[in-house]
Amino acid sequence: MDVFGIIGFIFGLSAFSKIIKLEKKLKDSGIIKTETESEKNTNSNKN
């Protein structure tokens, strides 16, 4: 049963990396803003 957890983790990492790549492409093409609302909230929490 632990194998299913490992496989799920690998698929999750793969999906996460694809989301990051898609977000970068959309930002580069100007479809989405360079800094999203979630990034603004994250950056304000760091300060």
PDB file of N, CA and C in Angstrom:
ATOM      1  N   MET A   1       0.814  -1.196   0.000  1.00  0.00           N
ATOM      2  CA  MET A   1       0.000   0.000   0.000  1.00  0.00           C
ATOM      3  C   MET A   1       0.862   1.266   0.000  1.00  0.00           C
ATOM      4  N   ASP A   2       2.064   1.181   0.511  1.00  0.00           N
ATOM      5  CA  ASP A   2       2.949   2.352   0.502  1.00  0.00           C
ATOM      6  C   ASP A   2       3.327   2.746  -0.922  1.00  0.00           C
ATOM      7  N   VAL A   3       3.295   1.773  -1.823  1.00  0.00           N
ATOM      8  CA  VAL A   3       3.645   2.045  -3.221  1.00  0.00           C
ATOM      9  C   VAL A   3       2.677   3.071  -3.809  1.00  0.00           C
ATOM     10  N   PHE A   4       1.391   2.970  -3.453  1.00  0.00           N
ATOM     11  CA  PHE A   4       0.407   3.915  -3.978  1.00  0.00           C
ATOM     12  C   PHE A   4       0.691   5.329  -3.497  1.00  0.00           C
ATOM     13  N   GLY A   5       1.157   5.464  -2.301  1.00  0.00           N
ATOM     14  CA  GLY A   5       1.527   6.774  -1.786  1.00  0.00           C
ATOM     15  C   GLY A   5       2.705   7.363  -2.531  1.00  0.00           C
ATOM     16  N   ILE A   6       3.684   6.519  -2.812  1.00  0.00           N
ATOM     17  CA  ILE A   6       4.868   6.977  -3.555  1.00  0.00           C
ATOM     18  C   ILE A   6       4.483   7.372  -4.975  1.00  0.00           C
ATOM     19  N   ILE A   7       3.658   6.548  -5.616  1.00  0.00           N
ATOM     20  CA  ILE A   7       3.215   6.860  -6.979  1.00  0.00           C
ATOM     21  C   ILE A   7       2.407   8.153  -6.989  1.00  0.00           C
ATOM     22  N   GLY A   8       1.540   8.342  -6.019  1.00  0.00           N
ATOM     23  CA  GLY A   8       0.754   9.568  -5.924  1.00  0.00           C
ATOM     24  C   GLY A   8       1.636  10.783  -5.723  1.00  0.00           C
ATOM     25  N   PHE A   9       2.650  10.636  -4.919  1.00  0.00           N
ATOM     26  CA  PHE A   9       3.592  11.740  -4.681  1.00  0.00           C
ATOM     27  C   PHE A   9       4.313  12.118  -5.964  1.00  0.00           C
ATOM     28  N   ILE A  10       4.748  11.130  -6.728  1.00  0.00           N
ATOM     29  CA  ILE A  10       5.455  11.392  -7.982  1.00  0.00           C
ATOM     30  C   ILE A  10       4.527  12.087  -8.976  1.00  0.00           C
ATOM     31  N   PHE A  11       3.274  11.606  -9.090  1.00  0.00           N
ATOM     32  CA  PHE A  11       2.323  12.264  -9.982  1.00  0.00           C
ATOM     33  C   PHE A  11       2.028  13.681  -9.519  1.00  0.00           C
ATOM     34  N   GLY A  12       1.955  13.900  -8.229  1.00  0.00           N
ATOM     35  CA  GLY A  12       1.724  15.231  -7.686  1.00  0.00           C
ATOM     36  C   GLY A  12       2.852  16.186  -8.022  1.00  0.00           C
ATOM     37  N   LEU A  13       4.084  15.734  -7.881  1.00  0.00           N
ATOM     38  CA  LEU A  13       5.239  16.573  -8.235  1.00  0.00           C
ATOM     39  C   LEU A  13       5.252  16.899  -9.727  1.00  0.00           C
ATOM     40  N   SER A  14       4.901  15.910 -10.528  1.00  0.00           N
ATOM     41  CA  SER A  14       4.857  16.130 -11.970  1.00  0.00           C
ATOM     42  C   SER A  14       3.798  17.170 -12.326  1.00  0.00           C
ATOM     43  N   ALA A  15       2.627  17.067 -11.726  1.00  0.00           N
ATOM     44  CA  ALA A  15       1.559  18.028 -11.992  1.00  0.00           C
ATOM     45  C   ALA A  15       1.955  19.421 -11.518  1.00  0.00           C
ATOM     46  N   PHE A  16       2.599  19.507 -10.367  1.00  0.00           N
ATOM     47  CA  PHE A  16       3.026  20.795  -9.837  1.00  0.00           C
ATOM     48  C   PHE A  16       4.032  21.468 -10.766  1.00  0.00           C
ATOM     49  N   SER A  17       4.970  20.693 -11.293  1.00  0.00           N
ATOM     50  CA  SER A  17       5.965  21.273 -12.203  1.00  0.00           C
ATOM     51  C   SER A  17       5.310  21.752 -13.491  1.00  0.00           C
ATOM     52  N   LYS A  18       4.293  21.033 -13.969  1.00  0.00           N
ATOM     53  CA  LYS A  18       3.588  21.465 -15.183  1.00  0.00           C
ATOM     54  C   LYS A  18       2.814  22.751 -14.937  1.00  0.00           C
ATOM     55  N   ILE A  19       2.247  22.906 -13.762  1.00  0.00           N
ATOM     56  CA  ILE A  19       1.535  24.141 -13.417  1.00  0.00           C
ATOM     57  C   ILE A  19       2.503  25.314 -13.378  1.00  0.00           C
ATOM     58  N   ILE A  20       3.681  25.105 -12.812  1.00  0.00           N
ATOM     59  CA  ILE A  20       4.694  26.166 -12.745  1.00  0.00           C
ATOM     60  C   ILE A  20       5.118  26.572 -14.153  1.00  0.00           C
ATOM     61  N   LYS A  21       5.345  25.590 -15.035  1.00  0.00           N
ATOM     62  CA  LYS A  21       5.735  25.892 -16.413  1.00  0.00           C
ATOM     63  C   LYS A  21       4.626  26.644 -17.134  1.00  0.00           C
ATOM     64  N   LEU A  22       3.380  26.231 -16.950  1.00  0.00           N
ATOM     65  CA  LEU A  22       2.250  26.897 -17.592  1.00  0.00           C
ATOM     66  C   LEU A  22       2.116  28.333 -17.103  1.00  0.00           C
ATOM     67  N   GLU A  23       2.262  28.536 -15.806  1.00  0.00           N
ATOM     68  CA  GLU A  23       2.176  29.879 -15.248  1.00  0.00           C
ATOM     69  C   GLU A  23       3.273  30.776 -15.831  1.00  0.00           C
ATOM     70  N   LYS A  24       4.476  30.240 -15.969  1.00  0.00           N
ATOM     71  CA  LYS A  24       5.580  31.022 -16.535  1.00  0.00           C
ATOM     72  C   LYS A  24       5.292  31.396 -17.984  1.00  0.00           C
ATOM     73  N   LYS A  25       4.773  30.456 -18.782  1.00  0.00           N
ATOM     74  CA  LYS A  25       4.451  30.739 -20.178  1.00  0.00           C
ATOM     75  C   LYS A  25       3.373  31.815 -20.277  1.00  0.00           C
ATOM     76  N   LEU A  26       2.353  31.729 -19.433  1.00  0.00           N
ATOM     77  CA  LEU A  26       1.270  32.706 -19.471  1.00  0.00           C
ATOM     78  C   LEU A  26       1.756  34.088 -19.049  1.00  0.00           C
ATOM     79  N   LYS A  27       2.662  34.142 -18.083  1.00  0.00           N
ATOM     80  CA  LYS A  27       3.222  35.429 -17.672  1.00  0.00           C
ATOM     81  C   LYS A  27       4.082  36.028 -18.780  1.00  0.00           C
ATOM     82  N   ASP A  28       4.883  35.192 -19.434  1.00  0.00           N
ATOM     83  CA  ASP A  28       5.755  35.676 -20.503  1.00  0.00           C
ATOM     84  C   ASP A  28       4.949  36.198 -21.687  1.00  0.00           C
ATOM     85  N   SER A  29       3.815  35.562 -21.971  1.00  0.00           N
ATOM     86  CA  SER A  29       3.009  36.003 -23.108  1.00  0.00           C
ATOM     87  C   SER A  29       2.085  37.155 -22.748  1.00  0.00           C
ATOM     88  N   GLY A  30       1.996  37.502 -21.463  1.00  0.00           N
ATOM     89  CA  GLY A  30       1.201  38.644 -21.046  1.00  0.00           C
ATOM     90  C   GLY A  30      -0.262  38.333 -20.794  1.00  0.00           C
ATOM     91  N   ILE A  31      -0.629  37.072 -20.770  1.00  0.00           N
ATOM     92  CA  ILE A  31      -2.026  36.698 -20.540  1.00  0.00           C
ATOM     93  C   ILE A  31      -2.413  36.940 -19.087  1.00  0.00           C
ATOM     94  N   ILE A  32      -1.492  36.646 -18.177  1.00  0.00           N
ATOM     95  CA  ILE A  32      -1.753  36.937 -16.774  1.00  0.00           C
ATOM     96  C   ILE A  32      -0.745  37.963 -16.287  1.00  0.00           C
ATOM     97  N   LYS A  33      -1.078  38.618 -15.183  1.00  0.00           N
ATOM     98  CA  LYS A  33      -0.198  39.637 -14.623  1.00  0.00           C
ATOM     99  C   LYS A  33       1.111  38.999 -14.168  1.00  0.00           C
ATOM    100  N   THR A  34       2.138  39.820 -14.105  1.00  0.00           N
ATOM    101  CA  THR A  34       3.436  39.285 -13.685  1.00  0.00           C
ATOM    102  C   THR A  34       3.428  38.931 -12.209  1.00  0.00           C
ATOM    103  N   GLU A  35       2.614  39.620 -11.419  1.00  0.00           N
ATOM    104  CA  GLU A  35       2.507  39.301 -10.001  1.00  0.00           C
ATOM    105  C   GLU A  35       1.036  39.092  -9.673  1.00  0.00           C
ATOM    106  N   THR A  36       0.676  37.866  -9.306  1.00  0.00           N
ATOM    107  CA  THR A  36      -0.716  37.550  -9.027  1.00  0.00           C
ATOM    108  C   THR A  36      -1.079  37.931  -7.601  1.00  0.00           C
ATOM    109  N   GLU A  37      -2.355  37.849  -7.281  1.00  0.00           N
ATOM    110  CA  GLU A  37      -2.827  38.193  -5.935  1.00  0.00           C
ATOM    111  C   GLU A  37      -2.179  37.298  -4.880  1.00  0.00           C
ATOM    112  N   SER A  38      -2.055  36.016  -5.176  1.00  0.00           N
ATOM    113  CA  SER A  38      -1.464  35.105  -4.194  1.00  0.00           C
ATOM    114  C   SER A  38       0.002  35.436  -3.947  1.00  0.00           C
ATOM    115  N   GLU A  39       0.716  35.865  -4.990  1.00  0.00           N
ATOM    116  CA  GLU A  39       2.110  36.254  -4.805  1.00  0.00           C
ATOM    117  C   GLU A  39       2.208  37.532  -3.983  1.00  0.00           C
ATOM    118  N   LYS A  40       1.267  38.461  -4.179  1.00  0.00           N
ATOM    119  CA  LYS A  40       1.279  39.691  -3.391  1.00  0.00           C
ATOM    120  C   LYS A  40       1.077  39.369  -1.918  1.00  0.00           C
ATOM    121  N   ASN A  41       0.147  38.445  -1.641  1.00  0.00           N
ATOM    122  CA  ASN A  41      -0.122  38.062  -0.248  1.00  0.00           C
ATOM    123  C   ASN A  41       1.084  37.362   0.362  1.00  0.00           C
ATOM    124  N   THR A  42       1.736  36.515  -0.420  1.00  0.00           N
ATOM    125  CA  THR A  42       2.904  35.804   0.074  1.00  0.00           C
ATOM    126  C   THR A  42       4.044  36.770   0.348  1.00  0.00           C
ATOM    127  N   ASN A  43       4.253  37.701  -0.568  1.00  0.00           N
ATOM    128  CA  ASN A  43       5.340  38.675  -0.383  1.00  0.00           C
ATOM    129  C   ASN A  43       5.080  39.603   0.795  1.00  0.00           C
ATOM    130  N   SER A  44       3.824  39.977   1.024  1.00  0.00           N
ATOM    131  CA  SER A  44       3.514  40.868   2.149  1.00  0.00           C
ATOM    132  C   SER A  44       3.671  40.142   3.486  1.00  0.00           C
ATOM    133  N   ASN A  45       3.459  38.816   3.484  1.00  0.00           N
ATOM    134  CA  ASN A  45       3.632  38.051   4.720  1.00  0.00           C
ATOM    135  C   ASN A  45       5.104  37.920   5.095  1.00  0.00           C
ATOM    136  N   LYS A  46       5.996  37.962   4.099  1.00  0.00           N
ATOM    137  CA  LYS A  46       7.421  37.845   4.371  1.00  0.00           C
ATOM    138  C   LYS A  46       7.991  39.092   5.007  1.00  0.00           C
ATOM    139  N   ASN A  47       7.389  40.255   4.687  1.00  0.00           N
ATOM    140  CA  ASN A  47       7.917  41.524   5.212  1.00  0.00           C
ATOM    141  C   ASN A  47       7.533  41.726   6.598  1.00  0.00           C
TER     142      ASN A  47
END
